[in-house]
PDB file of N, CA and C in Angstrom:
ATOM      1  N   MET A   1     -72.910  46.719 -58.600  1.00  0.00           N
ATOM      2  CA  MET A   1     -73.626  45.791 -59.462  1.00  0.00           C
ATOM      3  C   MET A   1     -71.728  45.586 -60.451  1.00  0.00           C
ATOM      4  N   SER A   2     -71.945  46.459 -60.682  1.00  0.00           N
ATOM      5  CA  SER A   2     -70.530  46.137 -61.779  1.00  0.00           C
ATOM      6  C   SER A   2     -69.003  45.664 -60.754  1.00  0.00           C
ATOM      7  N   SER A   3     -68.733  46.846 -59.367  1.00  0.00           N
ATOM      8  CA  SER A   3     -67.950  46.490 -58.961  1.00  0.00           C
ATOM      9  C   SER A   3     -67.969  44.992 -58.700  1.00  0.00           C
ATOM     10  N   ILE A   4     -68.627  44.278 -58.206  1.00  0.00           N
ATOM     11  CA  ILE A   4     -69.109  42.696 -57.899  1.00  0.00           C
ATOM     12  C   ILE A   4     -68.684  41.900 -59.235  1.00  0.00           C
ATOM     13  N   PHE A   5     -68.811  42.178 -60.199  1.00  0.00           N
ATOM     14  CA  PHE A   5     -68.085  41.577 -61.114  1.00  0.00           C
ATOM     15  C   PHE A   5     -66.824  41.503 -61.613  1.00  0.00           C
ATOM     16  N   LYS A   6     -66.449  42.986 -61.181  1.00  0.00           N
ATOM     17  CA  LYS A   6     -64.786  42.949 -61.550  1.00  0.00           C
ATOM     18  C   LYS A   6     -64.382  42.340 -60.186  1.00  0.00           C
ATOM     19  N   LEU A   7     -64.905  41.901 -59.674  1.00  0.00           N
ATOM     20  CA  LEU A   7     -64.011  41.806 -58.039  1.00  0.00           C
ATOM     21  C   LEU A   7     -63.967  40.361 -58.093  1.00  0.00           C
ATOM     22  N   LEU A   8     -65.575  39.235 -58.969  1.00  0.00           N
ATOM     23  CA  LEU A   8     -65.104  37.879 -59.514  1.00  0.00           C
ATOM     24  C   LEU A   8     -64.080  38.060 -60.546  1.00  0.00           C
ATOM     25  N   SER A   9     -64.301  38.294 -61.875  1.00  0.00           N
ATOM     26  CA  SER A   9     -63.345  38.280 -62.580  1.00  0.00           C
ATOM     27  C   SER A   9     -61.906  38.196 -61.779  1.00  0.00           C
ATOM     28  N   LEU A  10     -61.556  39.261 -61.098  1.00  0.00           N
ATOM     29  CA  LEU A  10     -60.128  38.859 -60.895  1.00  0.00           C
ATOM     30  C   LEU A  10     -59.988  38.261 -60.239  1.00  0.00           C
ATOM     31  N   THR A  11     -60.702  37.503 -59.127  1.00  0.00           N
ATOM     32  CA  THR A  11     -60.932  36.223 -58.435  1.00  0.00           C
ATOM     33  C   THR A  11     -60.910  34.855 -59.341  1.00  0.00           C
ATOM     34  N   VAL A  12     -61.682  34.913 -60.082  1.00  0.00           N
ATOM     35  CA  VAL A  12     -61.128  34.076 -61.396  1.00  0.00           C
ATOM     36  C   VAL A  12     -59.507  33.828 -62.165  1.00  0.00           C
ATOM     37  N   PHE A  13     -59.206  35.362 -62.514  1.00  0.00           N
ATOM     38  CA  PHE A  13     -57.951  35.389 -62.852  1.00  0.00           C
ATOM     39  C   PHE A  13     -56.604  34.767 -62.498  1.00  0.00           C
ATOM     40  N   LEU A  14     -56.805  35.320 -60.633  1.00  0.00           N
ATOM     41  CA  LEU A  14     -55.696  35.347 -60.065  1.00  0.00           C
ATOM     42  C   LEU A  14     -55.992  33.918 -59.879  1.00  0.00           C
ATOM     43  N   ALA A  15     -56.923  33.080 -59.564  1.00  0.00           N
ATOM     44  CA  ALA A  15     -56.894  31.820 -59.072  1.00  0.00           C
ATOM     45  C   ALA A  15     -56.528  31.403 -60.165  1.00  0.00           C
ATOM     46  N   LEU A  16     -56.773  31.539 -61.620  1.00  0.00           N
ATOM     47  CA  LEU A  16     -56.200  30.540 -62.652  1.00  0.00           C
ATOM     48  C   LEU A  16     -54.392  30.358 -62.735  1.00  0.00           C
ATOM     49  N   VAL A  17     -54.126  31.993 -62.394  1.00  0.00           N
ATOM     50  CA  VAL A  17     -52.570  32.357 -62.460  1.00  0.00           C
ATOM     51  C   VAL A  17     -51.764  31.322 -61.786  1.00  0.00           C
ATOM     52  N   PHE A  18     -52.141  31.778 -60.365  1.00  0.00           N
ATOM     53  CA  PHE A  18     -51.892  30.627 -58.816  1.00  0.00           C
ATOM     54  C   PHE A  18     -52.011  28.799 -59.580  1.00  0.00           C
ATOM     55  N   GLN A  19     -52.951  28.618 -60.295  1.00  0.00           N
ATOM     56  CA  GLN A  19     -53.361  27.317 -60.096  1.00  0.00           C
ATOM     57  C   GLN A  19     -52.030  26.926 -61.449  1.00  0.00           C
ATOM     58  N   ALA A  20     -52.124  27.839 -62.498  1.00  0.00           N
ATOM     59  CA  ALA A  20     -50.942  26.955 -63.076  1.00  0.00           C
ATOM     60  C   ALA A  20     -49.361  27.287 -63.057  1.00  0.00           C
ATOM     61  N   TYR A  21     -49.599  28.272 -61.976  1.00  0.00           N
ATOM     62  CA  TYR A  21     -48.216  28.540 -60.963  1.00  0.00           C
ATOM     63  C   TYR A  21     -47.863  26.967 -60.452  1.00  0.00           C
ATOM     64  N   GLY A  22     -48.753  27.027 -59.644  1.00  0.00           N
ATOM     65  CA  GLY A  22     -48.795  25.696 -58.579  1.00  0.00           C
ATOM     66  C   GLY A  22     -48.810  24.432 -59.414  1.00  0.00           C
ATOM     67  N   MET A  23     -49.131  24.567 -60.530  1.00  0.00           N
ATOM     68  CA  MET A  23     -48.684  22.915 -61.702  1.00  0.00           C
ATOM     69  C   MET A  23     -47.529  22.595 -61.391  1.00  0.00           C
ATOM     70  N   CYS A  24     -46.618  23.558 -62.058  1.00  0.00           N
ATOM     71  CA  CYS A  24     -45.364  23.782 -62.690  1.00  0.00           C
ATOM     72  C   CYS A  24     -44.014  23.101 -61.446  1.00  0.00           C
ATOM     73  N   THR A  25     -43.419  22.414 -61.719  1.00  0.00           N
ATOM     74  CA  THR A  25     -42.397  21.726 -60.807  1.00  0.00           C
ATOM     75  C   THR A  25     -41.241  21.144 -61.992  1.00  0.00           C
ATOM     76  N   LEU A  26     -39.751  20.948 -61.070  1.00  0.00           N
ATOM     77  CA  LEU A  26     -38.538  20.324 -61.959  1.00  0.00           C
ATOM     78  C   LEU A  26     -39.027  19.225 -62.411  1.00  0.00           C
ATOM     79  N   SER A  27     -39.764  18.725 -62.419  1.00  0.00           N
ATOM     80  CA  SER A  27     -40.056  17.156 -62.987  1.00  0.00           C
ATOM     81  C   SER A  27     -40.873  17.400 -64.442  1.00  0.00           C
ATOM     82  N   ASP A  28     -41.130  19.058 -64.886  1.00  0.00           N
ATOM     83  CA  ASP A  28     -41.507  19.258 -66.131  1.00  0.00           C
ATOM     84  C   ASP A  28     -40.925  19.636 -67.188  1.00  0.00           C
ATOM     85  N   ILE A  29     -39.484  19.815 -66.510  1.00  0.00           N
ATOM     86  CA  ILE A  29     -38.266  20.242 -67.110  1.00  0.00           C
ATOM     87  C   ILE A  29     -37.560  18.268 -67.731  1.00  0.00           C
ATOM     88  N   SER A  30     -37.931  18.649 -68.797  1.00  0.00           N
ATOM     89  CA  SER A  30     -37.206  16.769 -69.452  1.00  0.00           C
ATOM     90  C   SER A  30     -36.223  16.814 -70.026  1.00  0.00           C
ATOM     91  N   ILE A  31     -35.504  15.997 -69.894  1.00  0.00           N
ATOM     92  CA  ILE A  31     -34.008  16.038 -70.493  1.00  0.00           C
ATOM     93  C   ILE A  31     -33.847  14.508 -71.181  1.00  0.00           C
ATOM     94  N   LYS A  32     -33.617  14.365 -72.703  1.00  0.00           N
ATOM     95  CA  LYS A  32     -33.335  13.521 -73.043  1.00  0.00           C
ATOM     96  C   LYS A  32     -31.917  13.063 -73.722  1.00  0.00           C
ATOM     97  N   HIS A  33     -31.115  12.226 -74.216  1.00  0.00           N
ATOM     98  CA  HIS A  33     -30.358  11.830 -75.169  1.00  0.00           C
ATOM     99  C   HIS A  33     -30.659  11.230 -76.149  1.00  0.00           C
ATOM    100  N   TYR A  34     -29.930  11.633 -77.207  1.00  0.00           N
ATOM    101  CA  TYR A  34     -30.119  10.859 -78.726  1.00  0.00           C
ATOM    102  C   TYR A  34     -28.903  10.884 -79.014  1.00  0.00           C
ATOM    103  N   GLU A  35     -28.439   9.440 -79.626  1.00  0.00           N
ATOM    104  CA  GLU A  35     -27.985   9.016 -80.673  1.00  0.00           C
ATOM    105  C   GLU A  35     -27.423   9.326 -81.800  1.00  0.00           C
ATOM    106  N   THR A  36     -26.090  10.620 -82.330  1.00  0.00           N
ATOM    107  CA  THR A  36     -26.046  10.797 -83.384  1.00  0.00           C
ATOM    108  C   THR A  36     -25.026  10.366 -84.316  1.00  0.00           C
ATOM    109  N   HIS A  37     -24.296   8.843 -84.000  1.00  0.00           N
ATOM    110  CA  HIS A  37     -23.565   8.241 -84.545  1.00  0.00           C
ATOM    111  C   HIS A  37     -22.649   8.593 -85.127  1.00  0.00           C
ATOM    112  N   ASP A  38     -22.348   9.844 -84.237  1.00  0.00           N
ATOM    113  CA  ASP A  38     -21.078  10.303 -84.907  1.00  0.00           C
ATOM    114  C   ASP A  38     -19.866  10.145 -83.925  1.00  0.00           C
ATOM    115  N   PHE A  39     -18.533  10.295 -83.845  1.00  0.00           N
ATOM    116  CA  PHE A  39     -17.357  10.413 -82.878  1.00  0.00           C
ATOM    117  C   PHE A  39     -16.388  11.217 -82.607  1.00  0.00           C
ATOM    118  N   ALA A  40     -15.726  11.442 -80.985  1.00  0.00           N
ATOM    119  CA  ALA A  40     -14.768  12.807 -81.608  1.00  0.00           C
ATOM    120  C   ALA A  40     -14.028  12.099 -80.700  1.00  0.00           C
ATOM    121  N   HIS A  41     -12.930  11.657 -80.713  1.00  0.00           N
ATOM    122  CA  HIS A  41     -11.920  11.587 -80.228  1.00  0.00           C
ATOM    123  C   HIS A  41     -11.925   9.703 -79.835  1.00  0.00           C
ATOM    124  N   GLY A  42     -12.827   9.327 -80.288  1.00  0.00           N
ATOM    125  CA  GLY A  42     -13.401   7.724 -80.009  1.00  0.00           C
ATOM    126  C   GLY A  42     -14.655   8.017 -79.166  1.00  0.00           C
ATOM    127  N   MET A  43     -15.227   8.883 -78.855  1.00  0.00           N
ATOM    128  CA  MET A  43     -16.053   9.289 -77.757  1.00  0.00           C
ATOM    129  C   MET A  43     -17.186   9.227 -78.395  1.00  0.00           C
ATOM    130  N   PRO A  44     -18.743   8.568 -78.241  1.00  0.00           N
ATOM    131  CA  PRO A  44     -19.563   9.284 -79.112  1.00  0.00           C
ATOM    132  C   PRO A  44     -20.341  10.726 -78.703  1.00  0.00           C
ATOM    133  N   VAL A  45     -20.679  11.342 -79.282  1.00  0.00           N
ATOM    134  CA  VAL A  45     -21.389  12.611 -80.149  1.00  0.00           C
ATOM    135  C   VAL A  45     -23.165  12.399 -79.659  1.00  0.00           C
ATOM    136  N   TRP A  46     -23.525  12.993 -77.963  1.00  0.00           N
ATOM    137  CA  TRP A  46     -24.661  12.718 -77.729  1.00  0.00           C
ATOM    138  C   TRP A  46     -25.236  14.656 -77.977  1.00  0.00           C
ATOM    139  N   ARG A  47     -26.756  13.846 -79.243  1.00  0.00           N
ATOM    140  CA  ARG A  47     -27.592  15.249 -78.920  1.00  0.00           C
ATOM    141  C   ARG A  47     -28.321  15.011 -77.508  1.00  0.00           C
ATOM    142  N   VAL A  48     -28.490  16.402 -77.242  1.00  0.00           N
ATOM    143  CA  VAL A  48     -29.197  16.378 -75.723  1.00  0.00           C
ATOM    144  C   VAL A  48     -30.483  17.533 -75.680  1.00  0.00           C
ATOM    145  N   SER A  49     -32.106  17.023 -75.612  1.00  0.00           N
ATOM    146  CA  SER A  49     -33.036  18.291 -75.642  1.00  0.00           C
ATOM    147  C   SER A  49     -32.896  18.259 -74.079  1.00  0.00           C
ATOM    148  N   ILE A  50     -33.101  19.417 -74.071  1.00  0.00           N
ATOM    149  CA  ILE A  50     -33.946  19.894 -72.641  1.00  0.00           C
ATOM    150  C   ILE A  50     -35.215  21.004 -72.885  1.00  0.00           C
ATOM    151  N   THR A  51     -36.192  19.895 -72.313  1.00  0.00           N
ATOM    152  CA  THR A  51     -38.094  20.467 -73.268  1.00  0.00           C
ATOM    153  C   THR A  51     -38.404  21.262 -71.375  1.00  0.00           C
ATOM    154  N   ASN A  52     -39.208  22.030 -71.637  1.00  0.00           N
ATOM    155  CA  ASN A  52     -40.308  23.012 -70.418  1.00  0.00           C
ATOM    156  C   ASN A  52     -41.452  21.958 -70.609  1.00  0.00           C
ATOM    157  N   ASN A  53     -42.115  21.191 -70.018  1.00  0.00           N
ATOM    158  CA  ASN A  53     -43.541  20.608 -70.603  1.00  0.00           C
ATOM    159  C   ASN A  53     -44.580  21.592 -69.167  1.00  0.00           C
ATOM    160  N   CYS A  54     -43.726  22.020 -68.829  1.00  0.00           N
ATOM    161  CA  CYS A  54     -44.992  23.273 -68.220  1.00  0.00           C
ATOM    162  C   CYS A  54     -45.651  23.891 -68.955  1.00  0.00           C
ATOM    163  N   GLY A  55     -46.944  24.848 -68.536  1.00  0.00           N
ATOM    164  CA  GLY A  55     -47.518  25.395 -69.577  1.00  0.00           C
ATOM    165  C   GLY A  55     -46.980  26.726 -68.944  1.00  0.00           C
ATOM    166  N   CYS A  56     -45.873  27.181 -68.285  1.00  0.00           N
ATOM    167  CA  CYS A  56     -45.811  28.290 -68.725  1.00  0.00           C
ATOM    168  C   CYS A  56     -44.489  28.463 -68.845  1.00  0.00           C
ATOM    169  N   PRO A  57     -43.932  29.690 -69.152  1.00  0.00           N
ATOM    170  CA  PRO A  57     -42.347  29.809 -69.280  1.00  0.00           C
ATOM    171  C   PRO A  57     -41.298  29.372 -68.198  1.00  0.00           C
ATOM    172  N   GLN A  58     -40.258  28.584 -68.031  1.00  0.00           N
ATOM    173  CA  GLN A  58     -39.235  28.494 -66.891  1.00  0.00           C
ATOM    174  C   GLN A  58     -37.692  29.267 -67.393  1.00  0.00           C
ATOM    175  N   SER A  59     -37.451  29.954 -66.501  1.00  0.00           N
ATOM    176  CA  SER A  59     -35.958  30.632 -66.656  1.00  0.00           C
ATOM    177  C   SER A  59     -35.415  30.264 -65.839  1.00  0.00           C
ATOM    178  N   GLN A  60     -33.544  30.441 -65.649  1.00  0.00           N
ATOM    179  CA  GLN A  60     -32.746  30.372 -65.174  1.00  0.00           C
ATOM    180  C   GLN A  60     -33.024  28.761 -64.564  1.00  0.00           C
ATOM    181  N   VAL A  61     -32.727  27.991 -65.589  1.00  0.00           N
ATOM    182  CA  VAL A  61     -32.902  26.686 -65.705  1.00  0.00           C
ATOM    183  C   VAL A  61     -31.499  25.994 -65.355  1.00  0.00           C
ATOM    184  N   LYS A  62     -31.022  25.674 -64.553  1.00  0.00           N
ATOM    185  CA  LYS A  62     -29.702  24.924 -63.946  1.00  0.00           C
ATOM    186  C   LYS A  62     -30.447  23.448 -63.421  1.00  0.00           C
ATOM    187  N   LEU A  63     -28.749  23.157 -63.969  1.00  0.00           N
ATOM    188  CA  LEU A  63     -28.411  21.602 -64.005  1.00  0.00           C
ATOM    189  C   LEU A  63     -27.862  21.419 -63.331  1.00  0.00           C
ATOM    190  N   ASN A  64     -27.410  19.743 -62.038  1.00  0.00           N
ATOM    191  CA  ASN A  64     -26.503  19.443 -62.277  1.00  0.00           C
ATOM    192  C   ASN A  64     -25.665  18.968 -63.245  1.00  0.00           C
ATOM    193  N   CYS A  65     -23.998  19.366 -62.677  1.00  0.00           N
ATOM    194  CA  CYS A  65     -23.392  19.083 -63.840  1.00  0.00           C
ATOM    195  C   CYS A  65     -22.288  18.699 -63.239  1.00  0.00           C
ATOM    196  N   THR A  66     -21.898  17.911 -61.772  1.00  0.00           N
ATOM    197  CA  THR A  66     -21.045  17.308 -61.074  1.00  0.00           C
ATOM    198  C   THR A  66     -20.343  16.707 -61.652  1.00  0.00           C
ATOM    199  N   GLY A  67     -18.962  16.787 -62.291  1.00  0.00           N
ATOM    200  CA  GLY A  67     -18.622  15.429 -63.222  1.00  0.00           C
ATOM    201  C   GLY A  67     -18.758  15.606 -64.902  1.00  0.00           C
ATOM    202  N   PHE A  68     -19.659  16.554 -65.483  1.00  0.00           N
ATOM    203  CA  PHE A  68     -19.469  16.649 -66.852  1.00  0.00           C
ATOM    204  C   PHE A  68     -18.685  16.787 -67.197  1.00  0.00           C
ATOM    205  N   GLN A  69     -18.162  16.140 -68.301  1.00  0.00           N
ATOM    206  CA  GLN A  69     -17.004  16.438 -69.323  1.00  0.00           C
ATOM    207  C   GLN A  69     -16.958  16.094 -70.751  1.00  0.00           C
ATOM    208  N   SER A  70     -16.466  16.743 -72.213  1.00  0.00           N
ATOM    209  CA  SER A  70     -17.148  16.793 -73.351  1.00  0.00           C
ATOM    210  C   SER A  70     -15.687  17.189 -74.031  1.00  0.00           C
ATOM    211  N   TYR A  71     -15.245  15.848 -74.967  1.00  0.00           N
ATOM    212  CA  TYR A  71     -14.164  16.277 -76.138  1.00  0.00           C
ATOM    213  C   TYR A  71     -14.233  17.423 -77.084  1.00  0.00           C
ATOM    214  N   ILE A  72     -15.594  17.884 -77.294  1.00  0.00           N
ATOM    215  CA  ILE A  72     -15.806  19.015 -78.313  1.00  0.00           C
ATOM    216  C   ILE A  72     -16.754  20.055 -77.314  1.00  0.00           C
ATOM    217  N   GLY A  73     -16.299  21.606 -78.006  1.00  0.00           N
ATOM    218  CA  GLY A  73     -17.185  22.458 -76.954  1.00  0.00           C
ATOM    219  C   GLY A  73     -17.703  22.522 -77.048  1.00  0.00           C
ATOM    220  N   ILE A  74     -18.760  23.063 -76.281  1.00  0.00           N
ATOM    221  CA  ILE A  74     -20.380  23.389 -75.899  1.00  0.00           C
ATOM    222  C   ILE A  74     -20.814  24.725 -76.490  1.00  0.00           C
ATOM    223  N   ASP A  75     -21.656  25.454 -77.054  1.00  0.00           N
ATOM    224  CA  ASP A  75     -22.258  26.777 -76.785  1.00  0.00           C
ATOM    225  C   ASP A  75     -22.210  27.213 -75.776  1.00  0.00           C
ATOM    226  N   GLN A  76     -21.741  27.953 -75.203  1.00  0.00           N
ATOM    227  CA  GLN A  76     -22.418  28.383 -73.822  1.00  0.00           C
ATOM    228  C   GLN A  76     -23.360  29.684 -73.928  1.00  0.00           C
ATOM    229  N   ALA A  77     -23.835  29.908 -74.855  1.00  0.00           N
ATOM    230  CA  ALA A  77     -25.050  30.455 -75.122  1.00  0.00           C
ATOM    231  C   ALA A  77     -26.579  29.240 -74.601  1.00  0.00           C
ATOM    232  N   LEU A  78     -25.559  28.760 -75.173  1.00  0.00           N
ATOM    233  CA  LEU A  78     -26.786  27.002 -74.641  1.00  0.00           C
ATOM    234  C   LEU A  78     -26.679  26.567 -73.315  1.00  0.00           C
ATOM    235  N   LEU A  79     -25.492  26.062 -72.731  1.00  0.00           N
ATOM    236  CA  LEU A  79     -25.209  25.274 -71.814  1.00  0.00           C
ATOM    237  C   LEU A  79     -24.179  25.770 -71.196  1.00  0.00           C
ATOM    238  N   ALA A  80     -23.567  26.733 -70.093  1.00  0.00           N
ATOM    239  CA  ALA A  80     -22.898  27.716 -69.446  1.00  0.00           C
ATOM    240  C   ALA A  80     -22.621  26.833 -68.337  1.00  0.00           C
ATOM    241  N   VAL A  81     -21.432  26.127 -68.331  1.00  0.00           N
ATOM    242  CA  VAL A  81     -20.921  24.633 -67.898  1.00  0.00           C
ATOM    243  C   VAL A  81     -19.801  25.209 -66.943  1.00  0.00           C
ATOM    244  N   SER A  82     -20.377  25.407 -65.021  1.00  0.00           N
ATOM    245  CA  SER A  82     -19.238  25.318 -63.952  1.00  0.00           C
ATOM    246  C   SER A  82     -18.724  24.547 -63.696  1.00  0.00           C
ATOM    247  N   ASP A  83     -18.030  24.115 -62.249  1.00  0.00           N
ATOM    248  CA  ASP A  83     -18.087  22.908 -61.655  1.00  0.00           C
ATOM    249  C   ASP A  83     -19.121  22.313 -61.548  1.00  0.00           C
ATOM    250  N   THR A  84     -19.786  22.777 -60.890  1.00  0.00           N
ATOM    251  CA  THR A  84     -21.140  22.243 -60.072  1.00  0.00           C
ATOM    252  C   THR A  84     -22.668  22.385 -60.946  1.00  0.00           C
ATOM    253  N   GLU A  85     -22.504  22.933 -61.380  1.00  0.00           N
ATOM    254  CA  GLU A  85     -23.964  23.523 -62.297  1.00  0.00           C
ATOM    255  C   GLU A  85     -23.734  23.717 -63.202  1.00  0.00           C
ATOM    256  N   CYS A  86     -24.645  23.544 -64.120  1.00  0.00           N
ATOM    257  CA  CYS A  86     -24.831  23.951 -65.866  1.00  0.00           C
ATOM    258  C   CYS A  86     -25.877  25.431 -65.857  1.00  0.00           C
ATOM    259  N   LEU A  87     -26.218  26.501 -66.282  1.00  0.00           N
ATOM    260  CA  LEU A  87     -26.687  27.204 -66.527  1.00  0.00           C
ATOM    261  C   LEU A  87     -27.773  26.965 -67.954  1.00  0.00           C
ATOM    262  N   VAL A  88     -28.901  26.960 -68.950  1.00  0.00           N
ATOM    263  CA  VAL A  88     -29.399  26.491 -69.780  1.00  0.00           C
ATOM    264  C   VAL A  88     -29.893  28.458 -70.571  1.00  0.00           C
ATOM    265  N   LYS A  89     -29.173  28.147 -71.446  1.00  0.00           N
ATOM    266  CA  LYS A  89     -29.985  29.311 -72.023  1.00  0.00           C
ATOM    267  C   LYS A  89     -28.974  30.438 -71.473  1.00  0.00           C
ATOM    268  N   GLN A  90     -28.654  30.782 -71.025  1.00  0.00           N
ATOM    269  CA  GLN A  90     -27.876  31.986 -70.237  1.00  0.00           C
ATOM    270  C   GLN A  90     -28.835  32.562 -69.437  1.00  0.00           C
ATOM    271  N   GLY A  91     -29.880  31.478 -68.687  1.00  0.00           N
ATOM    272  CA  GLY A  91     -31.089  32.002 -68.039  1.00  0.00           C
ATOM    273  C   GLY A  91     -32.526  32.595 -68.074  1.00  0.00           C
ATOM    274  N   ALA A  92     -32.539  32.921 -69.738  1.00  0.00           N
ATOM    275  CA  ALA A  92     -32.983  33.277 -70.648  1.00  0.00           C
ATOM    276  C   ALA A  92     -34.703  31.688 -70.698  1.00  0.00           C
ATOM    277  N   PRO A  93     -35.620  32.278 -70.595  1.00  0.00           N
ATOM    278  CA  PRO A  93     -37.162  31.556 -70.608  1.00  0.00           C
ATOM    279  C   PRO A  93     -36.914  30.527 -71.541  1.00  0.00           C
ATOM    280  N   ILE A  94     -37.113  29.225 -71.090  1.00  0.00           N
ATOM    281  CA  ILE A  94     -37.420  28.465 -72.296  1.00  0.00           C
ATOM    282  C   ILE A  94     -39.481  28.803 -72.240  1.00  0.00           C
ATOM    283  N   PRO A  95     -39.720  28.948 -73.106  1.00  0.00           N
ATOM    284  CA  PRO A  95     -41.200  29.097 -73.671  1.00  0.00           C
ATOM    285  C   PRO A  95     -42.210  27.322 -73.150  1.00  0.00           C
ATOM    286  N   ALA A  96     -43.493  27.628 -72.705  1.00  0.00           N
ATOM    287  CA  ALA A  96     -43.947  26.316 -72.349  1.00  0.00           C
ATOM    288  C   ALA A  96     -43.746  25.749 -74.351  1.00  0.00           C
ATOM    289  N   ALA A  97     -44.011  24.211 -74.168  1.00  0.00           N
ATOM    290  CA  ALA A  97     -43.499  22.759 -75.334  1.00  0.00           C
ATOM    291  C   ALA A  97     -42.435  23.581 -75.892  1.00  0.00           C
ATOM    292  N   GLN A  98     -41.339  24.226 -75.490  1.00  0.00           N
ATOM    293  CA  GLN A  98     -40.075  24.190 -75.972  1.00  0.00           C
ATOM    294  C   GLN A  98     -39.077  23.774 -76.097  1.00  0.00           C
ATOM    295  N   SER A  99     -37.751  23.224 -76.842  1.00  0.00           N
ATOM    296  CA  SER A  99     -36.955  22.539 -76.567  1.00  0.00           C
ATOM    297  C   SER A  99     -35.549  23.800 -76.722  1.00  0.00           C
ATOM    298  N   VAL A 100     -34.938  23.028 -76.116  1.00  0.00           N
ATOM    299  CA  VAL A 100     -33.079  23.421 -76.181  1.00  0.00           C
ATOM    300  C   VAL A 100     -32.335  22.173 -76.361  1.00  0.00           C
ATOM    301  N   PHE A 101     -31.356  22.500 -77.431  1.00  0.00           N
ATOM    302  CA  PHE A 101     -30.448  21.056 -78.045  1.00  0.00           C
ATOM    303  C   PHE A 101     -29.104  21.768 -77.706  1.00  0.00           C
ATOM    304  N   PHE A 102     -28.544  20.542 -77.416  1.00  0.00           N
ATOM    305  CA  PHE A 102     -26.988  20.706 -77.923  1.00  0.00           C
ATOM    306  C   PHE A 102     -25.873  19.153 -77.712  1.00  0.00           C
ATOM    307  N   ARG A 103     -24.781  19.473 -78.052  1.00  0.00           N
ATOM    308  CA  ARG A 103     -24.673  18.458 -78.402  1.00  0.00           C
ATOM    309  C   ARG A 103     -22.891  18.208 -77.756  1.00  0.00           C
ATOM    310  N   TYR A 104     -22.469  17.035 -76.536  1.00  0.00           N
ATOM    311  CA  TYR A 104     -21.494  16.601 -76.018  1.00  0.00           C
ATOM    312  C   TYR A 104     -20.869  15.450 -76.411  1.00  0.00           C
ATOM    313  N   ALA A 105     -19.723  15.428 -76.134  1.00  0.00           N
ATOM    314  CA  ALA A 105     -19.120  13.679 -76.623  1.00  0.00           C
ATOM    315  C   ALA A 105     -18.370  13.495 -75.783  1.00  0.00           C
ATOM    316  N   TRP A 106     -18.674  12.679 -74.815  1.00  0.00           N
ATOM    317  CA  TRP A 106     -18.214  11.770 -73.509  1.00  0.00           C
ATOM    318  C   TRP A 106     -18.924  10.021 -73.619  1.00  0.00           C
ATOM    319  N   LEU A 107     -18.097   9.156 -72.354  1.00  0.00           N
ATOM    320  CA  LEU A 107     -18.636   8.322 -72.268  1.00  0.00           C
ATOM    321  C   LEU A 107     -18.684   7.629 -71.029  1.00  0.00           C
ATOM    322  N   PRO A 108     -19.290   7.153 -70.333  1.00  0.00           N
ATOM    323  CA  PRO A 108     -20.512   6.828 -70.385  1.00  0.00           C
ATOM    324  C   PRO A 108     -21.971   8.110 -70.609  1.00  0.00           C
ATOM    325  N   LYS A 109     -22.909   8.647 -71.160  1.00  0.00           N
ATOM    326  CA  LYS A 109     -23.234   9.803 -71.757  1.00  0.00           C
ATOM    327  C   LYS A 109     -23.609  10.090 -69.797  1.00  0.00           C
ATOM    328  N   PHE A 110     -23.643  11.520 -69.962  1.00  0.00           N
ATOM    329  CA  PHE A 110     -23.867  12.075 -68.642  1.00  0.00           C
ATOM    330  C   PHE A 110     -25.449  11.775 -68.341  1.00  0.00           C
ATOM    331  N   LYS A 111     -25.782  11.919 -66.623  1.00  0.00           N
ATOM    332  CA  LYS A 111     -27.335  11.924 -66.340  1.00  0.00           C
ATOM    333  C   LYS A 111     -27.611  13.400 -65.641  1.00  0.00           C
ATOM    334  N   PHE A 112     -28.283  14.589 -66.897  1.00  0.00           N
ATOM    335  CA  PHE A 112     -28.406  15.647 -66.482  1.00  0.00           C
ATOM    336  C   PHE A 112     -29.544  15.578 -65.460  1.00  0.00           C
ATOM    337  N   GLU A 113     -29.711  16.729 -64.434  1.00  0.00           N
ATOM    338  CA  GLU A 113     -31.108  16.770 -63.636  1.00  0.00           C
ATOM    339  C   GLU A 113     -30.735  18.059 -63.385  1.00  0.00           C
ATOM    340  N   PRO A 114     -32.009  18.385 -63.627  1.00  0.00           N
ATOM    341  CA  PRO A 114     -32.301  19.674 -63.110  1.00  0.00           C
ATOM    342  C   PRO A 114     -32.374  20.210 -61.153  1.00  0.00           C
ATOM    343  N   ILE A 115     -31.932  21.040 -60.911  1.00  0.00           N
ATOM    344  CA  ILE A 115     -31.697  21.429 -59.659  1.00  0.00           C
ATOM    345  C   ILE A 115     -32.730  22.784 -59.373  1.00  0.00           C
ATOM    346  N   SER A 116     -32.806  23.089 -60.362  1.00  0.00           N
ATOM    347  CA  SER A 116     -33.916  24.913 -60.157  1.00  0.00           C
ATOM    348  C   SER A 116     -34.563  25.559 -61.460  1.00  0.00           C
ATOM    349  N   SER A 117     -35.394  26.287 -61.319  1.00  0.00           N
ATOM    350  CA  SER A 117     -36.168  27.120 -62.373  1.00  0.00           C
ATOM    351  C   SER A 117     -36.744  27.916 -61.598  1.00  0.00           C
ATOM    352  N   LYS A 118     -36.879  29.440 -62.305  1.00  0.00           N
ATOM    353  CA  LYS A 118     -38.362  30.752 -61.756  1.00  0.00           C
ATOM    354  C   LYS A 118     -38.814  29.988 -63.005  1.00  0.00           C
ATOM    355  N   ILE A 119     -40.423  30.121 -62.474  1.00  0.00           N
ATOM    356  CA  ILE A 119     -41.293  29.869 -62.967  1.00  0.00           C
ATOM    357  C   ILE A 119     -42.066  30.876 -63.301  1.00  0.00           C
ATOM    358  N   GLY A 120     -42.645  32.216 -65.059  1.00  0.00           N
ATOM    359  CA  GLY A 120     -42.573  32.400 -64.969  1.00  0.00           C
ATOM    360  C   GLY A 120     -44.015  32.539 -65.419  1.00  0.00           C
ATOM    361  N   CYS A 121     -45.379  32.625 -64.977  1.00  0.00           N
ATOM    362  CA  CYS A 121     -46.448  32.806 -65.538  1.00  0.00           C
ATOM    363  C   CYS A 121     -46.941  34.110 -65.382  1.00  0.00           C
ATOM    364  N   THR A 122     -47.679  34.597 -66.512  1.00  0.00           N
ATOM    365  CA  THR A 122     -48.169  35.984 -66.708  1.00  0.00           C
ATOM    366  C   THR A 122     -49.538  36.124 -67.071  1.00  0.00           C
TER     367      THR A 122
END
């Protein structure tokens, strides 16, 4: 009898884990721009939030950064910029319902789009 209970408990647990994993997609990463009313070299400075709206942490979050430029330096620990991709938080997980913030200066504002992530439900 106890082995049936253990098997049932394991089945329910795995179903919950896989359900949470399956519910997370790149669309759970939201990116918003906020005006700071600051300027650098005549360009507006934008504050950007990258938020994980998934119930699970997401790591290795990469954004399409083709053509991205800024007149101010970007903290590489928050957004490592390469030619076509940006790695958020050096690949470290963004916990559920948490955000990463950075600032850049350019006009027009850049449309960041998530291109990949690793979902980490435990």
